[in-house]
Protein backbone atom coordinates (compact mmCIF):
# COMPACT_ATOMS: atom_id res chain seq x y z
CA MET A 1 129.75 119.51 122.15
CA ILE A 2 126.35 118.66 123.17
CA GLU A 3 124.90 121.53 125.40
CA SER A 4 122.63 120.63 128.28
CA ASP A 5 119.48 122.50 129.05
CA ALA A 6 120.69 124.23 132.02
CA THR A 7 123.81 125.58 129.74
CA ARG A 8 121.10 126.56 127.25
CA LEU A 9 118.96 128.40 130.08
CA ARG A 10 121.97 130.47 131.29
CA LYS A 11 122.96 131.63 127.74
CA ILE A 12 119.27 132.68 127.31
CA LYS A 13 119.43 134.73 130.48
CA ALA A 14 122.67 136.23 129.80
CA VAL A 15 121.77 137.83 126.41
CA GLY A 16 118.62 139.22 128.21
CA GLY A 17 116.14 136.46 127.73
CA VAL A 18 112.50 136.99 128.71
CA LEU A 19 110.08 135.02 130.57
CA VAL A 20 107.22 133.81 128.52
CA SER A 21 104.04 132.36 130.16
CA HIS A 22 101.11 130.17 128.90
CA ASN A 23 98.08 128.48 130.03
CA ALA A 24 100.29 125.44 130.97
CA GLY A 25 103.18 126.87 132.62
CA GLU A 26 106.17 129.39 131.43
CA PHE A 27 109.62 129.22 130.10
CA TRP A 28 112.71 131.51 129.00
CA ALA A 29 113.54 132.55 125.67
CA VAL A 30 115.00 135.15 123.46
CA PHE A 31 112.53 137.82 122.05
CA ASP A 32 113.01 139.60 118.99
CA ARG A 33 109.67 141.71 118.16
CA GLU A 34 110.72 142.45 114.86
CA SER A 35 112.68 139.70 113.36
CA THR A 36 113.42 139.72 109.62
CA LEU A 37 112.50 136.40 107.75
CA ILE A 38 111.81 134.72 104.10
CA ILE A 39 108.39 133.67 104.50
CA ASP A 40 106.74 131.91 101.34
CA GLY A 41 109.56 133.65 99.25
CA VAL A 42 108.78 137.30 100.91
CA GLU A 43 110.65 139.26 103.67
CA ALA A 44 108.62 140.09 106.28
CA ARG A 45 109.27 141.52 109.99
CA VAL A 46 107.52 139.04 112.35
CA PRO A 47 107.98 138.81 116.32
CA VAL A 48 109.98 135.70 117.21
CA LEU A 49 111.24 133.74 119.94
CA GLU A 50 114.29 131.53 120.08
CA ALA A 51 113.71 128.95 123.13
CA ARG A 52 114.93 125.51 123.88
CA SER A 53 113.17 123.00 121.86
CA CYS A 54 112.14 120.99 124.92
CA ASP A 55 110.39 124.03 126.24
CA VAL A 56 108.19 124.73 122.79
CA VAL A 57 107.70 121.58 120.90
CA ASP A 58 104.74 120.66 122.83
CA LEU A 59 102.80 123.99 122.36
CA PRO A 60 100.32 123.94 119.56
CA LYS A 61 99.48 126.64 116.82
CA GLU A 62 97.46 129.44 118.25
CA THR A 63 98.65 129.07 121.76
CA VAL A 64 98.46 132.42 123.64
CA LEU A 65 101.83 133.28 124.90
CA ASP A 66 102.59 136.30 127.29
CA VAL A 67 105.85 137.77 126.63
CA SER A 68 107.41 139.88 129.48
CA ASP A 69 109.28 143.34 128.78
CA ASN A 70 112.78 143.30 128.45
CA PRO A 71 113.97 146.62 130.04
CA LYS A 72 117.81 145.56 129.53
CA LEU A 73 117.31 145.68 125.71
CA GLY A 74 114.67 148.17 125.68
CA VAL A 75 112.11 145.64 124.22
CA PRO A 76 108.50 145.78 125.18
CA GLY A 77 106.82 142.45 125.54
CA GLY A 78 103.08 141.53 124.85
CA GLN A 79 100.69 138.86 124.06
CA PHE A 80 101.18 136.76 120.97
CA ARG A 81 99.79 133.54 119.51
CA ILE A 82 102.15 131.07 117.90
CA LYS A 83 101.99 130.80 114.38
CA ARG A 84 104.43 127.83 113.74
CA HIS A 85 107.50 126.33 115.11
CA GLU A 86 110.98 126.13 112.92
CA PRO A 87 113.08 123.54 114.87
CA GLY A 88 116.69 123.90 114.24
CA GLY A 89 118.14 120.42 115.06
CA THR A 90 120.21 121.83 117.73
CA GLY A 91 118.06 121.83 120.55
CA TRP A 92 116.80 125.22 119.64
CA THR A 93 113.47 126.28 117.76
CA ILE A 94 112.39 129.44 116.24
CA VAL A 95 108.84 130.15 117.39
CA ILE A 96 107.05 132.57 114.87
CA LEU A 97 104.65 134.77 116.53
CA LYS A 98 101.58 137.05 115.58
CA ARG A 99 99.56 139.40 117.41
């Protein structure tokens, strides 16, 4: 079953999504301040966003993102830069961030 963008946006907001702003606009995403990923064969704890691919696919590396706080989940936001994108092939993309 294929999800619409509206359905994806409702899901993001339902799980405590955060508003993310950048120089060309804004989008909603799920933010994890310390996600555990395997990067170059090493386990690392890095901040990540999970967002609709259509919202992040055109954002280049080093784009500055302002991530809003998520009081619902007790997660503070902040300012981050895009390190890289990892498209999932399902309409969702993981965006690996750095401070």
